[in-house]
Protein backbone atom coordinates (compact mmCIF):
# COMPACT_ATOMS: atom_id res chain seq x y z
CA LEU A 1 -0.08 -0.57 0.46
CA PHE A 2 1.49 3.56 -0.79
CA GLU A 3 -0.40 5.97 1.30
CA GLY A 4 -1.25 3.54 3.91
CA THR A 5 -3.62 1.96 6.18
CA SER A 6 -5.75 4.63 8.02
CA GLY A 7 -9.45 4.23 8.05
CA LEU A 8 -9.27 0.62 6.32
CA THR A 9 -10.68 -2.71 8.41
CA LEU A 10 -10.34 -6.59 7.12
CA PRO A 11 -13.71 -6.99 7.09
CA GLY A 12 -14.63 -4.64 4.94
CA THR A 13 -11.81 -4.06 2.78
CA ARG A 14 -11.67 -6.24 -1.39
CA MET A 15 -9.02 -5.50 -3.23
CA ARG A 16 -8.78 -6.33 -7.16
CA PHE A 17 -6.53 -6.57 -9.65
CA MET A 18 -6.18 -4.64 -12.65
CA GLY A 19 -3.67 -5.99 -14.40
CA GLU A 20 -2.05 -2.47 -14.98
CA PRO A 21 1.05 -1.46 -14.29
CA LEU A 22 1.41 1.67 -12.30
CA THR A 23 1.78 5.21 -13.89
CA LEU A 24 2.79 8.67 -14.01
CA PRO A 25 1.54 11.78 -15.58
CA VAL A 26 4.65 13.19 -17.51
CA SER A 27 5.20 17.05 -18.02
CA GLU A 28 7.82 20.05 -18.42
CA GLN A 29 5.29 20.70 -15.55
CA MET A 30 6.95 19.46 -12.67
CA LEU A 31 10.28 20.74 -12.76
CA GLY A 32 10.32 23.48 -10.13
CA ARG A 33 7.89 21.56 -8.14
CA VAL A 34 8.41 18.67 -5.27
CA LEU A 35 6.75 15.80 -5.44
CA ASN A 36 6.42 12.12 -3.64
CA GLY A 37 7.70 9.87 -4.46
CA LEU A 38 4.66 8.29 -6.26
CA GLY A 39 5.18 12.03 -8.12
CA HIS A 40 2.20 14.06 -6.37
CA PRO A 41 2.66 17.03 -4.87
CA ARG A 42 4.30 18.60 -1.59
CA ASP A 43 5.06 21.35 -1.42
CA GLY A 44 1.04 22.75 -1.66
CA GLY A 45 0.77 22.79 -4.63
CA SER A 46 -1.76 22.04 -7.28
CA LEU A 47 -1.09 18.44 -9.26
CA PRO A 48 0.89 19.12 -12.09
CA ARG A 49 -1.07 18.80 -15.72
CA GLY A 50 0.35 15.13 -17.74
CA GLU A 51 1.13 15.79 -21.13
CA ASP A 52 1.19 12.36 -21.25
CA GLU A 53 0.94 8.78 -19.02
CA LEU A 54 3.76 7.01 -18.75
CA ASP A 55 4.80 3.45 -17.17
CA VAL A 56 7.32 3.67 -14.32
CA ASN A 57 9.38 0.57 -14.45
CA GLY A 58 9.99 2.22 -18.89
CA LEU A 59 11.02 -0.20 -21.97
CA PRO A 60 14.37 -1.52 -22.18
CA ILE A 61 16.67 1.27 -24.81
CA ASN A 62 17.19 -1.40 -27.93
CA PRO A 63 20.90 -1.82 -28.06
CA THR A 64 21.17 -0.60 -31.71
CA ALA A 65 19.89 2.11 -30.98
CA ARG A 66 21.60 3.77 -28.50
CA GLU A 67 24.46 6.34 -29.59
CA TYR A 68 27.78 6.05 -27.47
CA PRO A 69 27.83 8.72 -24.80
CA ARG A 70 30.64 11.78 -25.65
CA ASP A 71 29.95 14.53 -24.20
CA PHE A 72 31.20 16.57 -21.88
CA ILE A 73 29.08 17.41 -18.14
CA GLN A 74 30.74 20.15 -16.66
CA THR A 75 29.75 20.27 -12.40
CA GLY A 76 32.43 22.89 -11.67
CA ILE A 77 34.67 19.97 -8.59
CA SER A 78 37.70 19.47 -10.16
CA VAL A 79 38.61 16.21 -9.48
CA ILE A 80 34.92 15.33 -10.42
CA ASP A 81 35.63 17.46 -13.92
CA GLY A 82 39.36 16.33 -13.85
CA LEU A 83 40.06 13.46 -13.14
CA THR A 84 36.87 10.85 -12.63
CA THR A 85 34.88 12.46 -15.99
CA LEU A 86 31.04 13.10 -15.91
CA ILE A 87 29.81 12.42 -19.84
CA GLN A 88 26.50 13.12 -20.86
CA GLY A 89 24.75 9.66 -21.02
CA GLN A 90 26.53 7.85 -18.63
CA LYS A 91 25.70 6.18 -15.60
CA LEU A 92 29.07 7.63 -12.87
CA PRO A 93 27.52 6.14 -9.39
CA ILE A 94 29.28 8.72 -5.62
CA PHE A 95 30.25 5.25 -3.51
CA SER A 96 30.07 7.50 -0.19
CA GLY A 97 29.53 6.24 3.11
CA ASN A 98 27.26 7.45 7.25
CA GLY A 99 28.44 10.55 7.33
CA LEU A 100 30.55 11.49 4.93
CA PRO A 101 28.86 14.84 3.07
CA HIS A 102 26.94 13.26 0.30
CA ASN A 103 24.52 15.12 0.77
CA GLN A 104 26.61 18.42 -0.03
CA LEU A 105 28.25 17.19 -2.74
CA ALA A 106 24.26 15.93 -4.28
CA ALA A 107 23.02 18.98 -3.88
CA GLN A 108 26.26 20.89 -4.77
CA ILE A 109 26.08 19.09 -8.90
CA ALA A 110 22.63 20.27 -9.13
CA ARG A 111 22.78 23.59 -8.62
CA GLN A 112 26.18 23.64 -10.90
CA ALA A 113 25.92 21.24 -13.40
CA LYS A 114 26.03 22.22 -17.03
CA VAL A 115 26.13 21.36 -20.65
CA LEU A 116 28.75 23.70 -21.98
CA ALA A 117 26.96 24.24 -25.02
CA GLU A 118 24.17 27.47 -24.69
CA SER A 119 21.54 26.32 -27.55
CA GLN A 120 21.53 22.69 -25.24
CA GLU A 121 18.38 22.47 -22.58
CA PHE A 122 20.07 21.07 -19.40
CA ALA A 123 17.38 20.05 -16.66
CA ILE A 124 17.94 17.99 -13.52
CA VAL A 125 16.28 15.57 -11.80
CA PHE A 126 16.72 14.31 -8.39
CA ALA A 127 15.06 11.00 -5.96
CA ALA A 128 16.12 11.45 -2.19
CA MET A 129 14.31 7.38 -1.20
CA GLY A 130 14.46 7.27 2.43
CA VAL A 131 16.45 10.77 3.67
CA LYS A 132 15.18 12.37 6.81
CA TYR A 133 13.30 15.42 6.75
CA ASP A 134 16.09 17.80 7.81
CA VAL A 135 18.19 16.19 4.61
CA ALA A 136 14.60 16.92 2.59
CA ARG A 137 14.52 20.20 4.22
CA PHE A 138 17.69 21.00 2.95
CA PHE A 139 18.03 20.07 -0.61
CA ILE A 140 15.03 22.43 -0.86
CA ASP A 141 16.47 25.42 0.81
CA SER A 142 20.06 24.75 -1.30
CA PHE A 143 17.97 24.60 -5.08
CA GLU A 144 15.54 28.06 -3.52
CA GLU A 145 17.61 30.04 -2.58
CA SER A 146 20.20 28.94 -5.92
CA GLY A 147 17.17 29.99 -7.51
CA VAL A 148 18.12 26.16 -9.43
CA LEU A 149 14.93 24.92 -8.10
CA GLU A 150 12.72 25.46 -11.50
CA ASN A 151 15.04 23.60 -13.57
CA VAL A 152 14.79 20.40 -10.83
CA ALA A 153 12.25 18.49 -10.06
CA LEU A 154 12.51 17.21 -6.80
CA PHE A 155 10.88 14.08 -5.10
CA LEU A 156 11.49 13.12 -2.30
CA SER A 157 10.72 9.80 0.22
CA LEU A 158 10.94 10.68 3.15
CA ALA A 159 12.53 8.10 5.84
CA ASP A 160 8.59 7.12 7.52
CA ASP A 161 6.73 6.98 4.76
CA PRO A 162 6.39 3.09 2.93
CA SER A 163 8.94 1.25 1.80
CA ILE A 164 7.04 0.07 -1.14
CA GLU A 165 6.96 4.23 -1.87
CA ARG A 166 11.04 4.58 -1.19
CA THR A 167 11.07 1.68 -4.59
CA ILE A 168 8.93 3.17 -6.93
CA THR A 169 11.04 7.20 -6.34
CA PRO A 170 13.66 5.75 -8.81
CA ARG A 171 11.44 4.84 -10.99
CA THR A 172 9.14 8.31 -11.50
CA ALA A 173 12.48 10.17 -11.13
CA LEU A 174 13.40 8.00 -14.01
CA THR A 175 9.88 8.25 -16.10
CA LEU A 176 9.87 11.63 -15.67
CA ALA A 177 13.43 12.04 -17.03
CA GLU A 178 13.21 9.71 -19.74
CA HIS A 179 9.85 11.95 -21.54
CA LEU A 180 12.34 15.36 -20.60
CA ALA A 181 15.07 14.24 -22.66
CA PHE A 182 13.68 11.71 -25.69
CA THR A 183 10.13 13.26 -26.06
CA LYS A 184 10.85 17.25 -25.56
CA GLY A 185 15.08 16.87 -26.01
CA LYS A 186 16.60 17.74 -22.74
CA HIS A 187 19.35 16.76 -21.61
CA VAL A 188 19.22 15.50 -17.80
CA LEU A 189 21.26 14.80 -15.28
CA VAL A 190 19.32 12.26 -12.49
CA ILE A 191 20.75 12.26 -9.26
CA MET A 192 19.98 9.20 -7.16
CA THR A 193 19.95 9.38 -3.08
CA ASP A 194 19.97 7.19 -1.35
CA MET A 195 19.91 3.93 -3.15
CA THR A 196 21.27 1.88 -0.11
CA ASN A 197 18.03 2.48 1.42
CA TYR A 198 16.00 1.78 -2.02
CA CYS A 199 17.79 -1.93 -1.12
CA GLU A 200 16.98 -1.79 2.30
CA SER A 201 13.61 -1.38 0.94
CA LEU A 202 13.41 -4.07 -1.29
CA ARG A 203 15.71 -6.75 1.49
CA GLU A 204 12.52 -5.96 4.18
CA ILE A 205 9.43 -6.47 1.06
CA SER A 206 11.39 -9.72 0.18
CA THR A 207 11.43 -11.40 4.03
CA LEU A 208 8.17 -10.64 4.58
CA ARG A 209 7.30 -11.99 1.22
CA GLY A 210 8.77 -15.44 2.56
CA GLU A 211 11.52 -15.01 -0.70
CA ILE A 212 14.78 -17.37 -0.10
CA PRO A 213 17.03 -14.15 0.79
CA SER A 214 21.27 -14.72 -0.96
CA ARG A 215 24.34 -12.77 -0.06
CA LYS A 216 23.17 -10.66 3.00
CA GLY A 217 20.24 -10.84 3.04
CA TYR A 218 19.04 -9.13 0.07
CA PRO A 219 17.42 -10.45 -2.76
CA GLY A 220 18.85 -13.25 -6.10
CA TYR A 221 17.27 -10.07 -8.07
CA LEU A 222 19.15 -7.92 -5.98
CA TYR A 223 21.50 -7.28 -9.88
CA SER A 224 18.50 -7.10 -11.82
CA ASN A 225 16.28 -4.82 -9.83
CA LEU A 226 19.90 -2.62 -10.32
CA ALA A 227 20.31 -3.27 -13.83
CA GLU A 228 16.07 -2.13 -14.51
CA LEU A 229 17.42 1.43 -12.74
CA TYR A 230 20.45 2.44 -14.24
CA GLU A 231 19.89 1.36 -17.99
CA ARG A 232 17.41 3.28 -18.82
CA SER A 233 20.14 6.10 -18.96
CA GLY A 234 21.89 6.38 -21.96
CA LYS A 235 21.46 8.25 -25.97
CA ILE A 236 19.52 7.06 -28.90
CA LEU A 237 20.16 7.67 -32.21
CA GLY A 238 17.56 10.65 -34.17
CA ARG A 239 17.42 11.43 -30.34
CA ASP A 240 18.53 15.16 -29.20
CA GLY A 241 17.95 13.98 -25.04
CA SER A 242 19.70 12.38 -22.63
CA ILE A 243 19.61 11.13 -19.53
CA THR A 244 22.92 10.86 -17.17
CA GLN A 245 22.93 8.75 -14.07
CA LEU A 246 24.33 10.42 -10.83
CA PRO A 247 23.46 8.19 -8.26
CA ILE A 248 24.75 7.97 -4.60
CA LEU A 249 24.69 5.14 -1.84
CA THR A 250 26.42 4.76 0.90
CA MET A 251 28.92 1.73 2.20
CA PRO A 252 27.91 -0.33 5.10
CA ASN A 253 30.76 0.09 6.76
CA ASP A 254 32.76 1.48 4.06
CA ASP A 255 32.79 -1.65 2.99
CA ILE A 256 32.89 -1.59 -0.99
CA GLY A 257 32.50 -5.35 -1.36
CA HIS A 258 29.05 -5.63 0.16
CA PRO A 259 26.57 -6.08 -2.34
CA ILE A 260 25.14 -2.92 -3.06
CA PRO A 261 28.14 -0.90 -4.50
CA ASP A 262 29.50 -4.16 -5.53
CA LEU A 263 26.93 -4.95 -7.87
CA THR A 264 26.49 -0.64 -8.48
CA GLY A 265 30.28 -1.13 -9.97
CA TYR A 266 29.50 -4.33 -12.04
CA ILE A 267 26.16 -2.17 -13.88
CA THR A 268 27.55 1.08 -14.58
CA GLU A 269 30.46 3.04 -16.20
CA GLY A 270 32.72 3.42 -13.10
CA GLN A 271 32.88 5.47 -9.62
CA ILE A 272 33.76 8.05 -7.11
CA VAL A 273 34.81 6.39 -4.12
CA PHE A 274 34.98 8.58 -0.40
CA ASP A 275 37.29 8.23 1.33
CA ARG A 276 36.67 8.95 5.69
CA GLU A 277 40.98 10.11 6.20
CA MET A 278 40.77 12.84 3.72
CA TYR A 279 36.91 14.14 5.64
CA GLY A 280 39.04 13.73 8.95
CA ARG A 281 41.25 16.64 7.06
CA GLY A 282 38.95 18.30 6.69
CA ILE A 283 39.34 18.94 2.05
CA TYR A 284 35.77 18.56 0.67
CA PRO A 285 34.52 17.20 -1.58
CA PRO A 286 36.81 14.17 -0.10
CA VAL A 287 37.26 11.98 -3.12
CA ASN A 288 39.77 9.81 -3.09
CA GLY A 289 41.02 9.94 -7.36
CA LEU A 290 43.27 6.49 -7.21
CA PRO A 291 40.07 4.09 -6.48
CA SER A 292 38.14 6.31 -8.80
CA LEU A 293 37.38 6.37 -11.54
CA SER A 294 35.38 6.61 -15.20
CA ARG A 295 34.93 4.58 -17.71
CA LEU A 296 33.90 7.29 -21.09
CA MET A 297 36.04 9.47 -19.98
CA LYS A 298 39.18 9.53 -22.53
CA ASP A 299 35.77 9.70 -25.52
CA GLY A 300 34.54 12.78 -23.54
CA ILE A 301 37.79 14.80 -22.95
CA GLY A 302 40.65 16.60 -26.00
CA GLU A 303 40.52 18.78 -27.87
CA GLY A 304 37.52 19.89 -28.34
CA MET A 305 35.26 18.65 -25.68
CA THR A 306 37.42 20.68 -22.71
CA ARG A 307 41.02 21.15 -23.33
CA ALA A 308 43.77 19.32 -25.17
CA ASP A 309 46.21 19.25 -22.39
CA HIS A 310 42.76 17.27 -20.16
CA PRO A 311 44.05 13.10 -21.94
CA HIS A 312 47.58 14.02 -20.43
CA LEU A 313 47.98 16.45 -17.54
CA ALA A 314 45.04 13.72 -15.47
CA ASN A 315 47.90 10.73 -16.44
CA GLN A 316 50.08 13.08 -14.90
CA LEU A 317 48.07 13.86 -11.98
CA PHE A 318 46.91 9.65 -11.40
CA ALA A 319 50.17 8.78 -11.29
CA SER A 320 52.19 12.16 -9.18
CA TYR A 321 49.94 11.10 -6.53
CA SER A 322 49.98 7.33 -6.32
CA HIS A 323 54.02 7.97 -5.91
CA VAL A 324 52.57 10.63 -3.21
CA LYS A 325 50.78 7.50 -1.04
CA ASP A 326 53.96 5.45 -1.89
CA VAL A 327 55.81 8.30 -0.38
CA ARG A 328 53.38 8.76 2.52
CA ASN A 329 53.52 5.38 3.29
CA LEU A 330 57.83 4.86 3.43
CA ALA A 331 57.59 8.49 5.69
CA SER A 332 56.02 7.19 8.11
CA VAL A 333 58.44 3.99 8.62
CA ILE A 334 62.21 5.58 8.49
CA GLY A 335 60.31 9.29 9.03
CA GLU A 336 60.19 12.65 6.99
CA GLU A 337 63.98 13.56 7.84
CA GLU A 338 65.30 10.21 6.13
CA LEU A 339 63.45 10.84 2.86
CA THR A 340 65.23 12.42 -0.42
CA SER A 341 65.18 16.26 -1.50
CA LEU A 342 62.55 14.43 -4.53
CA ASP A 343 60.70 12.25 -1.75
CA HIS A 344 59.82 16.04 0.21
CA GLN A 345 59.29 17.77 -3.29
CA TYR A 346 56.04 14.46 -3.94
CA LEU A 347 54.57 15.07 -0.43
CA GLU A 348 54.32 19.03 -0.77
CA PHE A 349 52.87 18.06 -4.59
CA GLY A 350 50.28 15.60 -2.54
CA ASN A 351 49.06 18.48 0.10
CA PHE A 352 48.60 21.14 -2.25
CA PHE A 353 46.98 19.06 -4.16
CA GLU A 354 44.50 18.17 -1.47
CA LYS A 355 44.91 20.93 -0.45
CA LYS A 356 44.25 23.07 -4.19
CA PHE A 357 43.06 21.05 -5.78
CA VAL A 358 40.90 18.51 -4.87
CA SER A 359 39.09 20.50 -1.80
CA GLN A 360 37.01 23.84 -3.03
CA SER A 361 33.99 25.53 -0.95
CA PHE A 362 29.90 23.90 -1.01
CA THR A 363 29.76 27.72 -3.19
CA GLU A 364 32.60 27.31 -5.55
CA ASN A 365 32.07 26.59 -9.25
CA ARG A 366 35.10 26.34 -11.23
CA SER A 367 35.05 26.17 -14.67
CA ILE A 368 36.57 23.58 -16.86
CA GLU A 369 40.34 25.98 -17.99
CA GLN A 370 40.16 26.86 -13.29
CA THR A 371 41.05 23.29 -12.94
CA LEU A 372 43.59 21.97 -15.75
CA ASP A 373 45.24 24.99 -14.81
CA LEU A 374 45.28 24.51 -10.90
CA GLY A 375 46.43 20.76 -12.04
CA TRP A 376 49.63 22.46 -13.71
CA LYS A 377 49.85 24.46 -10.85
CA ALA A 378 50.04 21.05 -8.39
CA LEU A 379 52.09 19.84 -11.38
CA ALA A 380 55.00 22.69 -10.66
CA GLU A 381 55.68 21.10 -7.78
CA LEU A 382 57.05 18.86 -8.71
CA PRO A 383 60.55 18.98 -11.12
CA ALA A 384 59.83 18.97 -14.81
CA GLU A 385 61.74 15.85 -15.22
CA GLU A 386 59.44 14.25 -13.37
CA LEU A 387 56.79 14.61 -15.82
CA GLN A 388 56.78 11.49 -17.78
CA ARG A 389 53.05 11.72 -19.20
CA VAL A 390 52.63 14.88 -20.33
CA THR A 391 53.92 16.28 -23.81
CA ASP A 392 57.46 18.17 -24.09
CA GLU A 393 54.67 20.90 -26.19
CA GLU A 394 52.35 21.13 -22.65
CA ILE A 395 55.09 21.81 -20.13
CA GLU A 396 56.56 24.41 -22.29
CA GLY A 397 52.56 25.92 -23.69
CA HIS A 398 51.22 25.88 -19.40
CA TYR A 399 53.82 23.97 -16.25
CA GLY A 400 54.70 26.46 -14.59
CA ARG A 401 52.78 29.54 -15.08
């Protein structure tokens, strides 16, 4: 039951199966509105007038009709734009943990995300599942204060709402996204948080139905159920719009091998991983670049898309930061005073990279040019001969500038 059992009695209640799936009336009027998980108004306004009524389960996209994603989405966050670039039509999850600032990052991305081509229409569909009231209020206030709410459709399923509604919320959000993208020609970014709450609801319902549990008590169909949601992203040949997904999940006990992040990683095209140790050092967003990955990044960056030096710069930043980890491990054993001068330069690079490149304020919106220039400033902490993954021309044009 989606709307509770108040006023119902067993003797006076009859149930009849209609043989029809749940449908959602969709329209552009839903942008700028705050809705519940079923698409009903939560902001006190009237029900948006539907232009069409669609099955919330959607229809699978023919693989031969898919267009390969290649266009860059700027989030204004350096560690994402520079190192784990988000591409139109991609599904790129954020693996976070309890108590980490994933809600702030979600709100910041929703506020700042845009496509660089001015002629392309962009919209945000935001689905929050099982969130507490104060978190829901934070999202609403953040969008209203920044003036982006008029371009956001916000689906809120609160923690005290029925579990079954939590399982429908991402489907209603994606149904609206499909209408906006493939009927209206908009580029739609769908942010879904928290997918862990969604999976917990699946487990709760599965247990009540007496189904045989699989790993850690989750139903055996968890993988296919998540795939139903994630595979509704993409681009279609001959259609102007696209659906890009940014699902956010909290890893129980920070375990990346837990069934939820594990199965999500099999379906999606990369991951952005939060690090609790970085968060403890005051770094926001606490994104650990080394386990993070965007599998479609290589096809959406470079000359004509971001900047010609972007691919080589990203590779060099990854390689240099990886060496920083080795130097820090060595220093913890023998002490910093025993390190070579080059090792100390790598430590300086690591500090600059984390404090200046990765870390930025909640209100800071960096362009891709600012992000790449900041990456070169970080590399300037190292001698030029250590930069083996960028060309001599790129060093001459950007190093130390």
